[in-house]
C-alpha cells in the first residue's frame, strides 16, 4: 500500500527507530561499510545529526538519517538513504551524490573550512530483487570513463592574469573582453589603447558589443579620465565612432553635473541663498535636494 506524503510507512518508521540509535547504527556500519572505509572511521564517535536532505516531494519514497563521526582525515559523515519504494530509481546514484554534496554544503555553512568526507549508503528493501541499478553515479553518463576523468581532476581554468597580452590579441572575438578584464584594475586604461584598438579594428564586434565594453570600462575601470578615453577610442575606431561619441557626451554631461553639485555645496556652506545657487549653477530643486550641507 502506498502512503501519502508526510506519513511514514511501516518500513520507514521501523528502520528509523532502530537506526537512529547510535549503538545500533554502530553495528549497521560495522556490518555494511566496505573495509577500506570502515578502517578510516571511528564509529565510537557516531553522532546523529538533525535534518533531512531528501526533497519534500520525495519523502514518501525515501527517508534518510545522517551521522557525523571522526575519521582519520578529519570530520566526516555517513548518510544512509532508506529506499522502500516498489520500483527502484535508476537515478539513485546521482541522487546520493546530490545528498552528499548537500551535507558538505551544510558542513561549510557551519563554519568549517574544509570539505568533509561523506559516505552515502543505500538501504534497499523493495519488491524487486536484487537491486537492479549501479550505485556509482558515473555510470549514469554515456561515457563513464570520460566523466570519471573530468570529475576526479582539476577543472579547466582560464586564468587571464597570466596570459601574455600578445597571445590574448590572437583570441579573435574574445580578445577585447579578455584584455579589458585582465587590465581593468590598472591605474590608467589609456595605456591599454595601443593593444585594444587593433583588436577592435578587426571587425569582430557589433556596435552594441563595443558599447557594452565601454560601459564596463566606465563602471569597473580606474581610468583617470573616462570621457577622454572614450573620445580617443572613437577617433581610432571610426566604424563605431557615433556610438562611442554618444557615450562620451553622456560622460561629459555627467561630469558637468557633478561639478555643478560640488559648486552648489560650497556656496550653500558659505551661506548663499538656495534661489541664488539654483540660478548660478543651473541646477533644479530636485538636484539641490541631493546636496548635503
C-alpha atoms as a PDB file:
ATOM      1  CA  UNK A   1       0.000   0.000   0.000  1.00  0.00           C
ATOM      2  CA  UNK A   2       1.330   3.460  -0.907  1.00  0.00           C
ATOM      3  CA  UNK A   3       1.467   6.171   1.699  1.00  0.00           C
ATOM      4  CA  UNK A   4       0.657   9.845   1.382  1.00  0.00           C
ATOM      5  CA  UNK A   5       3.383  12.425   1.620  1.00  0.00           C
ATOM      6  CA  UNK A   6       4.376  13.053   5.215  1.00  0.00           C
ATOM      7  CA  UNK A   7       3.000   9.714   6.500  1.00  0.00           C
ATOM      8  CA  UNK A   8       5.763   7.186   7.266  1.00  0.00           C
ATOM      9  CA  UNK A   9       5.446   3.617   6.017  1.00  0.00           C
ATOM     10  CA  UNK A  10       5.963   0.769   8.492  1.00  0.00           C
ATOM     11  CA  UNK A  11       9.310   0.076   6.727  1.00  0.00           C
ATOM     12  CA  UNK A  12      10.440   3.677   7.142  1.00  0.00           C
ATOM     13  CA  UNK A  13       9.278   4.160  10.731  1.00  0.00           C
ATOM     14  CA  UNK A  14      10.685   0.863  11.986  1.00  0.00           C
ATOM     15  CA  UNK A  15      14.051   1.288  10.286  1.00  0.00           C
ATOM     16  CA  UNK A  16      14.432   4.852  11.527  1.00  0.00           C
ATOM     17  CA  UNK A  17      13.500   3.835  15.074  1.00  0.00           C
ATOM     18  CA  UNK A  18      16.367   1.364  15.056  1.00  0.00           C
ATOM     19  CA  UNK A  19      18.976   3.225  13.025  1.00  0.00           C
ATOM     20  CA  UNK A  20      18.663   6.462  14.980  1.00  0.00           C
ATOM     21  CA  UNK A  21      20.074   4.617  17.987  1.00  0.00           C
ATOM     22  CA  UNK A  22      23.870   5.093  17.879  1.00  0.00           C
ATOM     23  CA  UNK A  23      24.666   1.618  19.198  1.00  0.00           C
ATOM     24  CA  UNK A  24      22.502   0.007  16.522  1.00  0.00           C
ATOM     25  CA  UNK A  25      23.934   2.341  13.890  1.00  0.00           C
ATOM     26  CA  UNK A  26      27.402   1.269  15.050  1.00  0.00           C
ATOM     27  CA  UNK A  27      26.546  -2.373  14.315  1.00  0.00           C
ATOM     28  CA  UNK A  28      24.993  -1.418  10.972  1.00  0.00           C
ATOM     29  CA  UNK A  29      28.114   0.477   9.887  1.00  0.00           C
ATOM     30  CA  UNK A  30      30.405  -2.283  11.113  1.00  0.00           C
ATOM     31  CA  UNK A  31      28.488  -4.839   9.080  1.00  0.00           C
ATOM     32  CA  UNK A  32      27.928  -2.900   5.886  1.00  0.00           C
ATOM     33  CA  UNK A  33      30.684  -0.335   5.382  1.00  0.00           C
ATOM     34  CA  UNK A  34      33.327  -1.519   2.904  1.00  0.00           C
ATOM     35  CA  UNK A  35      36.523  -2.464   4.810  1.00  0.00           C
ATOM     36  CA  UNK A  36      38.624   0.373   3.362  1.00  0.00           C
ATOM     37  CA  UNK A  37      36.052   2.911   4.565  1.00  0.00           C
ATOM     38  CA  UNK A  38      35.414   1.213   7.902  1.00  0.00           C
ATOM     39  CA  UNK A  39      39.138   1.405   8.667  1.00  0.00           C
ATOM     40  CA  UNK A  40      39.190   5.203   8.433  1.00  0.00           C
ATOM     41  CA  UNK A  41      36.013   5.730  10.501  1.00  0.00           C
ATOM     42  CA  UNK A  42      35.960   5.976  14.289  1.00  0.00           C
ATOM     43  CA  UNK A  43      32.482   4.507  14.796  1.00  0.00           C
ATOM     44  CA  UNK A  44      32.659   5.182  18.543  1.00  0.00           C
ATOM     45  CA  UNK A  45      32.198   8.877  17.703  1.00  0.00           C
ATOM     46  CA  UNK A  46      28.914   8.454  15.803  1.00  0.00           C
ATOM     47  CA  UNK A  47      26.537  11.349  16.450  1.00  0.00           C
ATOM     48  CA  UNK A  48      23.043  11.573  14.972  1.00  0.00           C
ATOM     49  CA  UNK A  49      22.540  14.838  13.086  1.00  0.00           C
ATOM     50  CA  UNK A  50      19.217  16.601  12.686  1.00  0.00           C
ATOM     51  CA  UNK A  51      17.566  17.421   9.391  1.00  0.00           C
ATOM     52  CA  UNK A  52      16.966  15.633   6.118  1.00  0.00           C
ATOM     53  CA  UNK A  53      18.465  16.047   2.657  1.00  0.00           C
ATOM     54  CA  UNK A  54      15.590  14.360   0.852  1.00  0.00           C
ATOM     55  CA  UNK A  55      13.363  16.748  -1.096  1.00  0.00           C
ATOM     56  CA  UNK A  56       9.883  17.181   0.368  1.00  0.00           C
ATOM     57  CA  UNK A  57       8.143  15.713  -2.689  1.00  0.00           C
ATOM     58  CA  UNK A  58      10.242  12.533  -2.444  1.00  0.00           C
ATOM     59  CA  UNK A  59       9.856  11.806   1.248  1.00  0.00           C
ATOM     60  CA  UNK A  60       7.057   9.335   0.552  1.00  0.00           C
ATOM     61  CA  UNK A  61       9.635   7.268  -1.366  1.00  0.00           C
ATOM     62  CA  UNK A  62      12.786   7.767   0.697  1.00  0.00           C
ATOM     63  CA  UNK A  63      13.863   8.523   4.223  1.00  0.00           C
ATOM     64  CA  UNK A  64      17.360   9.251   5.460  1.00  0.00           C
ATOM     65  CA  UNK A  65      19.499   9.508   8.551  1.00  0.00           C
ATOM     66  CA  UNK A  66      22.764  11.397   8.843  1.00  0.00           C
ATOM     67  CA  UNK A  67      25.526  10.624  11.325  1.00  0.00           C
ATOM     68  CA  UNK A  68      28.659  12.676  11.889  1.00  0.00           C
ATOM     69  CA  UNK A  69      31.841  10.970  13.062  1.00  0.00           C
ATOM     70  CA  UNK A  70      35.574  11.358  13.281  1.00  0.00           C
ATOM     71  CA  UNK A  71      37.717   9.914  10.512  1.00  0.00           C
ATOM     72  CA  UNK A  72      41.445   9.515  10.131  1.00  0.00           C
ATOM     73  CA  UNK A  73      41.358  12.503   7.764  1.00  0.00           C
ATOM     74  CA  UNK A  74      39.195  14.779   9.929  1.00  0.00           C
ATOM     75  CA  UNK A  75      35.465  15.174  10.368  1.00  0.00           C
ATOM     76  CA  UNK A  76      33.089  13.151   8.229  1.00  0.00           C
ATOM     77  CA  UNK A  77      29.538  11.951   7.771  1.00  0.00           C
ATOM     78  CA  UNK A  78      27.737   8.754   6.927  1.00  0.00           C
ATOM     79  CA  UNK A  79      24.484   9.379   5.125  1.00  0.00           C
ATOM     80  CA  UNK A  80      22.104   6.429   4.938  1.00  0.00           C
ATOM     81  CA  UNK A  81      19.287   6.703   2.439  1.00  0.00           C
ATOM     82  CA  UNK A  82      16.436   4.261   3.007  1.00  0.00           C
ATOM     83  CA  UNK A  83      14.598   3.218  -0.130  1.00  0.00           C
ATOM     84  CA  UNK A  84      11.286   1.477   0.318  1.00  0.00           C
ATOM     85  CA  UNK A  85       9.516   2.072  -2.968  1.00  0.00           C
ATOM     86  CA  UNK A  86       8.316  -0.764  -5.147  1.00  0.00           C
ATOM     87  CA  UNK A  87      10.104   0.461  -8.258  1.00  0.00           C
ATOM     88  CA  UNK A  88      13.836   1.239  -7.796  1.00  0.00           C
ATOM     89  CA  UNK A  89      15.085   4.633  -9.009  1.00  0.00           C
ATOM     90  CA  UNK A  90      17.513   4.346 -11.932  1.00  0.00           C
ATOM     91  CA  UNK A  91      18.935   7.759 -10.942  1.00  0.00           C
ATOM     92  CA  UNK A  92      19.540   6.818  -7.314  1.00  0.00           C
ATOM     93  CA  UNK A  93      23.326   7.057  -7.654  1.00  0.00           C
ATOM     94  CA  UNK A  94      23.050  10.668  -8.835  1.00  0.00           C
ATOM     95  CA  UNK A  95      20.585  11.367  -6.029  1.00  0.00           C
ATOM     96  CA  UNK A  96      23.050  10.002  -3.482  1.00  0.00           C
ATOM     97  CA  UNK A  97      25.748  12.289  -4.877  1.00  0.00           C
ATOM     98  CA  UNK A  98      23.448  15.303  -4.620  1.00  0.00           C
ATOM     99  CA  UNK A  99      22.635  14.491  -0.984  1.00  0.00           C
ATOM    100  CA  UNK A 100      26.321  14.023  -0.187  1.00  0.00           C
ATOM    101  CA  UNK A 101      27.085  17.463  -1.628  1.00  0.00           C
ATOM    102  CA  UNK A 102      24.200  18.942   0.373  1.00  0.00           C
ATOM    103  CA  UNK A 103      25.778  17.535   3.545  1.00  0.00           C
ATOM    104  CA  UNK A 104      29.126  19.038   2.557  1.00  0.00           C
ATOM    105  CA  UNK A 105      27.484  22.408   1.983  1.00  0.00           C
ATOM    106  CA  UNK A 106      25.857  22.353   5.418  1.00  0.00           C
ATOM    107  CA  UNK A 107      29.254  21.499   6.921  1.00  0.00           C
ATOM    108  CA  UNK A 108      30.835  24.559   5.281  1.00  0.00           C
ATOM    109  CA  UNK A 109      27.935  26.792   6.327  1.00  0.00           C
ATOM    110  CA  UNK A 110      28.505  25.784   9.940  1.00  0.00           C
ATOM    111  CA  UNK A 111      31.921  27.453   9.777  1.00  0.00           C
ATOM    112  CA  UNK A 112      34.302  24.696   8.682  1.00  0.00           C
ATOM    113  CA  UNK A 113      36.998  25.469   6.106  1.00  0.00           C
ATOM    114  CA  UNK A 114      37.478  22.031   4.545  1.00  0.00           C
ATOM    115  CA  UNK A 115      35.052  19.637   2.915  1.00  0.00           C
ATOM    116  CA  UNK A 116      34.154  16.582   4.962  1.00  0.00           C
ATOM    117  CA  UNK A 117      34.217  13.026   3.713  1.00  0.00           C
ATOM    118  CA  UNK A 118      30.575  11.996   3.227  1.00  0.00           C
ATOM    119  CA  UNK A 119      29.840   8.303   2.752  1.00  0.00           C
ATOM    120  CA  UNK A 120      26.454   7.720   1.098  1.00  0.00           C
ATOM    121  CA  UNK A 121      24.826   4.339   1.776  1.00  0.00           C
ATOM    122  CA  UNK A 122      21.643   2.967   0.223  1.00  0.00           C
ATOM    123  CA  UNK A 123      19.479   0.605   2.258  1.00  0.00           C
ATOM    124  CA  UNK A 124      17.087  -1.143  -0.096  1.00  0.00           C
ATOM    125  CA  UNK A 125      14.161  -3.363   0.783  1.00  0.00           C
ATOM    126  CA  UNK A 126      11.966  -3.133  -2.314  1.00  0.00           C
ATOM    127  CA  UNK A 127       9.994  -5.857  -4.066  1.00  0.00           C
ATOM    128  CA  UNK A 128      12.374  -6.262  -6.983  1.00  0.00           C
ATOM    129  CA  UNK A 129      15.468  -8.322  -6.159  1.00  0.00           C
ATOM    130  CA  UNK A 130      18.348  -7.866  -6.427  1.00  0.00           C
ATOM    131  CA  UNK A 131      18.679  -4.088  -6.649  1.00  0.00           C
ATOM    132  CA  UNK A 132      18.940  -3.524 -10.424  1.00  0.00           C
ATOM    133  CA  UNK A 133      20.924  -0.302 -10.814  1.00  0.00           C
ATOM    134  CA  UNK A 134      24.513   0.778 -10.310  1.00  0.00           C
ATOM    135  CA  UNK A 135      25.274   2.837  -7.209  1.00  0.00           C
ATOM    136  CA  UNK A 136      28.188   4.563  -8.996  1.00  0.00           C
ATOM    137  CA  UNK A 137      26.922   7.913 -10.237  1.00  0.00           C
ATOM    138  CA  UNK A 138      29.488   7.955 -13.047  1.00  0.00           C
ATOM    139  CA  UNK A 139      27.627   5.048 -14.649  1.00  0.00           C
ATOM    140  CA  UNK A 140      24.770   7.442 -15.371  1.00  0.00           C
ATOM    141  CA  UNK A 141      26.887   9.144 -18.052  1.00  0.00           C
ATOM    142  CA  UNK A 142      27.114   7.897 -21.636  1.00  0.00           C
ATOM    143  CA  UNK A 143      30.888   7.811 -21.232  1.00  0.00           C
ATOM    144  CA  UNK A 144      31.645   6.823 -17.636  1.00  0.00           C
ATOM    145  CA  UNK A 145      35.423   6.827 -18.211  1.00  0.00           C
ATOM    146  CA  UNK A 146      35.419  10.381 -19.538  1.00  0.00           C
ATOM    147  CA  UNK A 147      33.143  11.515 -16.690  1.00  0.00           C
ATOM    148  CA  UNK A 148      35.477   9.862 -14.201  1.00  0.00           C
ATOM    149  CA  UNK A 149      38.468  11.729 -15.574  1.00  0.00           C
ATOM    150  CA  UNK A 150      36.581  15.032 -15.629  1.00  0.00           C
ATOM    151  CA  UNK A 151      35.267  14.814 -12.069  1.00  0.00           C
ATOM    152  CA  UNK A 152      38.421  13.437 -10.473  1.00  0.00           C
ATOM    153  CA  UNK A 153      40.861  16.024 -11.816  1.00  0.00           C
ATOM    154  CA  UNK A 154      41.338  19.786 -11.750  1.00  0.00           C
ATOM    155  CA  UNK A 155      38.581  21.551 -13.657  1.00  0.00           C
ATOM    156  CA  UNK A 156      39.616  23.690 -16.665  1.00  0.00           C
ATOM    157  CA  UNK A 157      40.943  27.074 -15.543  1.00  0.00           C
ATOM    158  CA  UNK A 158      41.250  30.170 -17.715  1.00  0.00           C
ATOM    159  CA  UNK A 159      43.482  32.488 -15.675  1.00  0.00           C
ATOM    160  CA  UNK A 160      43.600  35.670 -17.760  1.00  0.00           C
ATOM    161  CA  UNK A 161      46.000  37.277 -15.291  1.00  0.00           C
ATOM    162  CA  UNK A 162      48.878  35.120 -16.581  1.00  0.00           C
ATOM    163  CA  UNK A 163      48.095  35.011 -20.306  1.00  0.00           C
ATOM    164  CA  UNK A 164      50.507  37.285 -22.242  1.00  0.00           C
ATOM    165  CA  UNK A 165      48.821  40.229 -23.994  1.00  0.00           C
ATOM    166  CA  UNK A 166      50.265  39.220 -27.367  1.00  0.00           C
ATOM    167  CA  UNK A 167      48.593  35.842 -27.011  1.00  0.00           C
ATOM    168  CA  UNK A 168      45.282  37.380 -25.913  1.00  0.00           C
ATOM    169  CA  UNK A 169      45.280  39.610 -29.001  1.00  0.00           C
ATOM    170  CA  UNK A 170      45.029  36.446 -31.129  1.00  0.00           C
ATOM    171  CA  UNK A 171      41.874  35.289 -29.356  1.00  0.00           C
ATOM    172  CA  UNK A 172      39.565  36.689 -32.042  1.00  0.00           C
ATOM    173  CA  UNK A 173      36.116  37.511 -30.610  1.00  0.00           C
ATOM    174  CA  UNK A 174      37.272  37.015 -27.019  1.00  0.00           C
ATOM    175  CA  UNK A 175      40.358  39.232 -27.314  1.00  0.00           C
ATOM    176  CA  UNK A 176      38.872  42.634 -26.405  1.00  0.00           C
ATOM    177  CA  UNK A 177      36.910  41.361 -23.415  1.00  0.00           C
ATOM    178  CA  UNK A 178      39.862  39.344 -22.114  1.00  0.00           C
ATOM    179  CA  UNK A 179      42.284  42.274 -22.474  1.00  0.00           C
ATOM    180  CA  UNK A 180      39.938  44.570 -20.581  1.00  0.00           C
ATOM    181  CA  UNK A 181      39.233  42.094 -17.806  1.00  0.00           C
ATOM    182  CA  UNK A 182      42.935  41.419 -17.391  1.00  0.00           C
ATOM    183  CA  UNK A 183      43.825  45.127 -17.113  1.00  0.00           C
ATOM    184  CA  UNK A 184      40.626  46.688 -15.744  1.00  0.00           C
ATOM    185  CA  UNK A 185      42.251  47.460 -12.366  1.00  0.00           C
ATOM    186  CA  UNK A 186      45.357  49.179 -13.700  1.00  0.00           C
ATOM    187  CA  UNK A 187      45.713  52.852 -12.809  1.00  0.00           C
ATOM    188  CA  UNK A 188      45.029  54.252 -16.284  1.00  0.00           C
ATOM    189  CA  UNK A 189      43.412  52.189 -19.002  1.00  0.00           C
ATOM    190  CA  UNK A 190      44.631  54.697 -21.569  1.00  0.00           C
ATOM    191  CA  UNK A 191      47.868  52.693 -21.515  1.00  0.00           C
ATOM    192  CA  UNK A 192      45.878  49.785 -22.999  1.00  0.00           C
ATOM    193  CA  UNK A 193      44.802  51.782 -26.068  1.00  0.00           C
ATOM    194  CA  UNK A 194      47.549  50.570 -28.404  1.00  0.00           C
ATOM    195  CA  UNK A 195      46.639  46.936 -27.741  1.00  0.00           C
ATOM    196  CA  UNK A 196      42.866  47.383 -27.640  1.00  0.00           C
ATOM    197  CA  UNK A 197      42.481  49.389 -30.867  1.00  0.00           C
ATOM    198  CA  UNK A 198      43.978  46.754 -33.255  1.00  0.00           C
ATOM    199  CA  UNK A 199      41.615  44.146 -31.809  1.00  0.00           C
ATOM    200  CA  UNK A 200      38.552  46.381 -32.261  1.00  0.00           C
ATOM    201  CA  UNK A 201      39.579  47.276 -35.808  1.00  0.00           C
ATOM    202  CA  UNK A 202      39.373  43.616 -36.875  1.00  0.00           C
ATOM    203  CA  UNK A 203      35.603  43.952 -37.003  1.00  0.00           C
ATOM    204  CA  UNK A 204      34.673  41.061 -34.740  1.00  0.00           C
ATOM    205  CA  UNK A 205      32.251  43.128 -32.650  1.00  0.00           C
ATOM    206  CA  UNK A 206      28.936  44.858 -33.246  1.00  0.00           C
ATOM    207  CA  UNK A 207      28.340  48.410 -32.044  1.00  0.00           C
ATOM    208  CA  UNK A 208      26.212  47.117 -29.169  1.00  0.00           C
ATOM    209  CA  UNK A 209      29.081  44.890 -28.030  1.00  0.00           C
ATOM    210  CA  UNK A 210      31.512  47.817 -28.245  1.00  0.00           C
ATOM    211  CA  UNK A 211      29.108  49.920 -26.177  1.00  0.00           C
ATOM    212  CA  UNK A 212      28.920  47.136 -23.579  1.00  0.00           C
ATOM    213  CA  UNK A 213      32.717  47.009 -23.372  1.00  0.00           C
ATOM    214  CA  UNK A 214      32.946  50.773 -22.921  1.00  0.00           C
ATOM    215  CA  UNK A 215      30.275  50.788 -20.229  1.00  0.00           C
ATOM    216  CA  UNK A 216      32.292  48.074 -18.498  1.00  0.00           C
ATOM    217  CA  UNK A 217      35.382  50.318 -18.662  1.00  0.00           C
ATOM    218  CA  UNK A 218      33.469  53.270 -17.222  1.00  0.00           C
ATOM    219  CA  UNK A 219      31.794  51.298 -14.441  1.00  0.00           C
ATOM    220  CA  UNK A 220      34.618  48.995 -13.359  1.00  0.00           C
ATOM    221  CA  UNK A 221      37.787  50.656 -14.615  1.00  0.00           C
ATOM    222  CA  UNK A 222      40.094  53.068 -12.850  1.00  0.00           C
ATOM    223  CA  UNK A 223      40.973  55.277 -15.809  1.00  0.00           C
ATOM    224  CA  UNK A 224      41.819  58.834 -14.804  1.00  0.00           C
ATOM    225  CA  UNK A 225      39.554  60.436 -17.421  1.00  0.00           C
ATOM    226  CA  UNK A 226      36.884  58.121 -18.790  1.00  0.00           C
ATOM    227  CA  UNK A 227      35.472  60.731 -21.164  1.00  0.00           C
ATOM    228  CA  UNK A 228      38.872  61.421 -22.775  1.00  0.00           C
ATOM    229  CA  UNK A 229      39.495  57.674 -23.075  1.00  0.00           C
ATOM    230  CA  UNK A 230      36.207  57.121 -24.911  1.00  0.00           C
ATOM    231  CA  UNK A 231      36.760  60.096 -27.230  1.00  0.00           C
ATOM    232  CA  UNK A 232      40.203  58.818 -28.193  1.00  0.00           C
ATOM    233  CA  UNK A 233      38.812  55.347 -28.752  1.00  0.00           C
ATOM    234  CA  UNK A 234      36.133  56.820 -31.035  1.00  0.00           C
ATOM    235  CA  UNK A 235      38.903  58.568 -33.016  1.00  0.00           C
ATOM    236  CA  UNK A 236      40.842  55.317 -33.508  1.00  0.00           C
ATOM    237  CA  UNK A 237      37.827  53.096 -34.204  1.00  0.00           C
ATOM    238  CA  UNK A 238      35.739  55.245 -36.591  1.00  0.00           C
ATOM    239  CA  UNK A 239      33.344  52.455 -37.604  1.00  0.00           C
ATOM    240  CA  UNK A 240      31.889  52.706 -34.074  1.00  0.00           C
ATOM    241  CA  UNK A 241      32.526  56.424 -33.675  1.00  0.00           C
ATOM    242  CA  UNK A 242      28.899  57.537 -33.378  1.00  0.00           C
ATOM    243  CA  UNK A 243      28.078  55.091 -30.586  1.00  0.00           C
ATOM    244  CA  UNK A 244      31.284  55.947 -28.728  1.00  0.00           C
ATOM    245  CA  UNK A 245      30.813  59.709 -29.050  1.00  0.00           C
ATOM    246  CA  UNK A 246      27.312  59.385 -27.636  1.00  0.00           C
ATOM    247  CA  UNK A 247      28.812  57.757 -24.545  1.00  0.00           C
ATOM    248  CA  UNK A 248      31.486  60.463 -24.349  1.00  0.00           C
ATOM    249  CA  UNK A 249      28.810  63.170 -24.410  1.00  0.00           C
ATOM    250  CA  UNK A 250      26.874  61.404 -21.664  1.00  0.00           C
ATOM    251  CA  UNK A 251      30.045  61.272 -19.568  1.00  0.00           C
ATOM    252  CA  UNK A 252      30.675  64.960 -20.219  1.00  0.00           C
ATOM    253  CA  UNK A 253      27.171  65.875 -19.051  1.00  0.00           C
ATOM    254  CA  UNK A 254      27.558  63.684 -16.016  1.00  0.00           C
ATOM    255  CA  UNK A 255      30.885  65.339 -15.204  1.00  0.00           C
ATOM    256  CA  UNK A 256      29.392  68.804 -15.581  1.00  0.00           C
ATOM    257  CA  UNK A 257      26.556  67.910 -13.251  1.00  0.00           C
ATOM    258  CA  UNK A 258      28.972  66.598 -10.630  1.00  0.00           C
ATOM    259  CA  UNK A 259      30.997  69.802 -10.893  1.00  0.00           C
ATOM    260  CA  UNK A 260      27.825  71.898 -10.514  1.00  0.00           C
ATOM    261  CA  UNK A 261      26.808  69.918  -7.435  1.00  0.00           C
ATOM    262  CA  UNK A 262      30.249  70.466  -5.881  1.00  0.00           C
ATOM    263  CA  UNK A 263      29.985  74.232  -6.526  1.00  0.00           C
ATOM    264  CA  UNK A 264      26.445  74.304  -5.136  1.00  0.00           C
ATOM    265  CA  UNK A 265      27.555  72.584  -1.947  1.00  0.00           C
ATOM    266  CA  UNK A 266      30.379  75.079  -1.464  1.00  0.00           C
ATOM    267  CA  UNK A 267      28.017  78.005  -1.996  1.00  0.00           C
ATOM    268  CA  UNK A 268      25.436  76.657   0.431  1.00  0.00           C
ATOM    269  CA  UNK A 269      28.104  76.051   3.049  1.00  0.00           C
ATOM    270  CA  UNK A 270      29.125  79.704   2.675  1.00  0.00           C
ATOM    271  CA  UNK A 271      25.582  80.933   3.307  1.00  0.00           C
ATOM    272  CA  UNK A 272      24.470  81.702  -0.247  1.00  0.00           C
ATOM    273  CA  UNK A 273      20.659  81.612  -0.643  1.00  0.00           C
ATOM    274  CA  UNK A 274      19.263  78.469  -2.343  1.00  0.00           C
ATOM    275  CA  UNK A 275      17.492  80.547  -5.004  1.00  0.00           C
ATOM    276  CA  UNK A 276      20.785  82.210  -5.924  1.00  0.00           C
ATOM    277  CA  UNK A 277      22.585  78.857  -6.027  1.00  0.00           C
ATOM    278  CA  UNK A 278      19.925  77.457  -8.377  1.00  0.00           C
ATOM    279  CA  UNK A 279      20.236  80.443 -10.708  1.00  0.00           C
ATOM    280  CA  UNK A 280      24.038  80.442 -10.854  1.00  0.00           C
ATOM    281  CA  UNK A 281      24.537  76.678 -11.243  1.00  0.00           C
ATOM    282  CA  UNK A 282      21.580  75.895 -13.498  1.00  0.00           C
ATOM    283  CA  UNK A 283      20.571  73.057 -11.188  1.00  0.00           C
ATOM    284  CA  UNK A 284      16.985  72.191 -10.357  1.00  0.00           C
ATOM    285  CA  UNK A 285      15.479  71.995  -6.890  1.00  0.00           C
ATOM    286  CA  UNK A 286      15.469  68.172  -7.015  1.00  0.00           C
ATOM    287  CA  UNK A 287      19.191  68.262  -7.864  1.00  0.00           C
ATOM    288  CA  UNK A 288      19.887  70.544  -4.934  1.00  0.00           C
ATOM    289  CA  UNK A 289      17.950  68.203  -2.639  1.00  0.00           C
ATOM    290  CA  UNK A 290      20.765  65.680  -3.113  1.00  0.00           C
ATOM    291  CA  UNK A 291      23.367  68.112  -1.786  1.00  0.00           C
ATOM    292  CA  UNK A 292      24.085  67.753   1.940  1.00  0.00           C
ATOM    293  CA  UNK A 293      25.368  70.815   3.781  1.00  0.00           C
END
